[in-house]
Amino acid sequence: MSIRTQYPGGEAVPVRFREAGDVTLDLAHHDGRVDDCWLGLNTHEFTLLWRLAEQPGACISRQLLLPDVWRLPCATDHRTLSDHVDQMRDRLKPFGLDNLIAADRDGGYFLNLRFMTGVR
């Protein structure tokens, strides 16, 4: 998972913000907000949403998400991943964004482009 952007001249500058639809992720606060309301994401929820926002619309398999988010060498427990997705959906529901994170038939997750800003 990359948190750096390459700029002209070759220097890498850390990226502080990433957009996930109407959610602004803030790396410094390790949280997300909708407008002025912080979501109170835990570390795994934040990292998962940051990772999905890195490639909006691209389905990322459970086998890739577990090492990226939990730093586990192999996919061991998909239930924990689905629990965190459910918790994030609950946090996003008051904003009408509970469908921002979608699952595919094989257990991967992606940001649902229909709920991304400017795509509705």
Protein backbone atom coordinates (compact mmCIF):
# COMPACT_ATOMS: atom_id res chain seq x y z
CA MET A 1 0.00 0.00 0.00
CA SER A 2 1.57 3.24 -1.14
CA ILE A 3 1.17 6.47 0.78
CA ARG A 4 3.58 8.46 -1.36
CA THR A 5 3.17 10.32 -4.62
CA GLN A 6 5.95 10.97 -7.09
CA TYR A 7 6.37 14.64 -8.04
CA PRO A 8 8.39 16.22 -10.85
CA GLY A 9 12.02 16.25 -9.88
CA GLY A 10 11.79 12.74 -8.44
CA GLU A 11 11.03 13.59 -4.81
CA ALA A 12 8.38 11.57 -3.02
CA VAL A 13 5.94 13.46 -0.82
CA PRO A 14 3.62 11.69 1.63
CA VAL A 15 -0.06 11.84 0.71
CA ARG A 16 -2.15 13.01 3.68
CA PHE A 17 -5.65 12.86 2.21
CA ARG A 18 -7.46 10.34 0.06
CA GLU A 19 -11.05 10.50 -1.14
CA ALA A 20 -13.42 7.55 -0.88
CA GLY A 21 -16.58 8.96 -2.37
CA ASP A 22 -17.94 11.56 0.05
CA VAL A 23 -15.52 10.32 2.73
CA THR A 24 -12.25 12.19 3.14
CA LEU A 25 -9.58 10.00 4.70
CA ASP A 26 -6.95 11.84 6.74
CA LEU A 27 -3.71 9.95 7.31
CA ALA A 28 -2.58 12.34 10.07
CA HIS A 29 -5.75 11.69 12.10
CA HIS A 30 -6.02 8.06 10.96
CA ASP A 31 -9.73 8.64 10.50
CA GLY A 32 -12.29 9.58 7.90
CA ARG A 33 -14.89 12.31 7.80
CA VAL A 34 -17.99 13.20 5.88
CA ASP A 35 -18.29 16.97 5.73
CA ASP A 36 -17.31 17.99 9.28
CA CYS A 37 -18.26 14.73 11.01
CA TRP A 38 -15.46 12.35 11.97
CA LEU A 39 -16.34 8.67 11.63
CA GLY A 40 -14.21 7.33 14.49
CA LEU A 41 -12.66 4.53 12.41
CA ASN A 42 -10.42 2.08 14.20
CA THR A 43 -6.98 1.29 12.80
CA HIS A 44 -8.08 -1.69 10.69
CA GLU A 45 -11.18 0.09 9.35
CA PHE A 46 -9.12 3.13 8.36
CA THR A 47 -6.40 1.04 6.70
CA LEU A 48 -8.97 -1.04 4.84
CA LEU A 49 -10.81 2.02 3.51
CA TRP A 50 -7.50 3.74 2.63
CA ARG A 51 -6.47 0.62 0.68
CA LEU A 52 -9.78 0.39 -1.19
CA ALA A 53 -9.64 4.12 -2.01
CA GLU A 54 -6.21 3.59 -3.54
CA GLN A 55 -7.97 1.80 -6.44
CA PRO A 56 -11.63 2.91 -6.49
CA GLY A 57 -13.85 0.39 -8.25
CA ALA A 58 -11.14 -2.28 -8.40
CA CYS A 59 -12.01 -5.45 -6.55
CA ILE A 60 -9.29 -6.41 -4.09
CA SER A 61 -9.27 -10.00 -2.92
CA ARG A 62 -9.36 -11.07 0.69
CA GLN A 63 -5.96 -12.69 0.11
CA LEU A 64 -4.48 -9.26 -0.72
CA LEU A 65 -6.43 -7.26 1.86
CA LEU A 66 -5.45 -9.32 4.89
CA PRO A 67 -1.68 -8.82 4.43
CA ASP A 68 -2.17 -5.13 3.51
CA VAL A 69 -4.53 -4.30 6.37
CA TRP A 70 -3.57 -6.75 9.13
CA ARG A 71 0.03 -7.36 8.09
CA LEU A 72 -0.64 -11.10 8.13
CA PRO A 73 1.50 -13.28 5.85
CA CYS A 74 -1.51 -15.26 4.65
CA ALA A 75 -5.28 -15.02 4.59
CA THR A 76 -6.40 -16.78 7.75
CA ASP A 77 -9.78 -15.44 8.84
CA HIS A 78 -12.10 -13.73 6.39
CA ARG A 79 -14.74 -13.29 9.12
CA THR A 80 -12.69 -10.55 10.78
CA LEU A 81 -12.52 -8.70 7.47
CA SER A 82 -16.27 -8.92 6.89
CA ASP A 83 -16.90 -7.79 10.48
CA HIS A 84 -14.85 -4.64 9.90
CA VAL A 85 -16.67 -3.96 6.63
CA ASP A 86 -20.00 -4.33 8.45
CA GLN A 87 -18.84 -1.91 11.17
CA MET A 88 -17.78 0.63 8.54
CA ARG A 89 -21.12 0.29 6.78
CA ASP A 90 -22.83 1.02 10.11
CA ARG A 91 -20.67 4.14 10.54
CA LEU A 92 -21.47 5.29 6.99
CA LYS A 93 -25.22 4.58 7.17
CA PRO A 94 -26.22 7.93 8.77
CA PHE A 95 -24.72 9.65 5.71
CA GLY A 96 -26.48 7.37 3.22
CA LEU A 97 -23.14 5.80 2.27
CA ASP A 98 -23.54 2.29 3.70
CA ASN A 99 -23.29 0.86 0.16
CA LEU A 100 -19.97 2.61 -0.54
CA ILE A 101 -18.11 -0.64 0.17
CA ALA A 102 -19.28 -3.57 -1.92
CA ALA A 103 -18.32 -7.24 -2.00
CA ASP A 104 -17.94 -9.53 -4.96
CA ARG A 105 -18.94 -13.20 -5.11
CA ASP A 106 -15.41 -14.38 -4.34
CA GLY A 107 -15.11 -12.45 -1.06
CA GLY A 108 -13.18 -9.44 -2.34
CA TYR A 109 -14.16 -5.85 -1.66
CA PHE A 110 -14.24 -2.64 -3.69
CA LEU A 111 -15.48 0.94 -3.52
CA ASN A 112 -18.82 1.02 -5.27
CA LEU A 113 -18.40 3.66 -8.00
CA ARG A 114 -22.12 4.46 -7.92
CA PHE A 115 -21.53 5.99 -4.49
CA MET A 116 -18.41 7.93 -5.46
CA THR A 117 -18.60 11.72 -5.73
CA GLY A 118 -19.48 12.91 -9.21
CA VAL A 119 -20.42 9.45 -10.47
CA ARG A 120 -23.96 9.19 -9.10
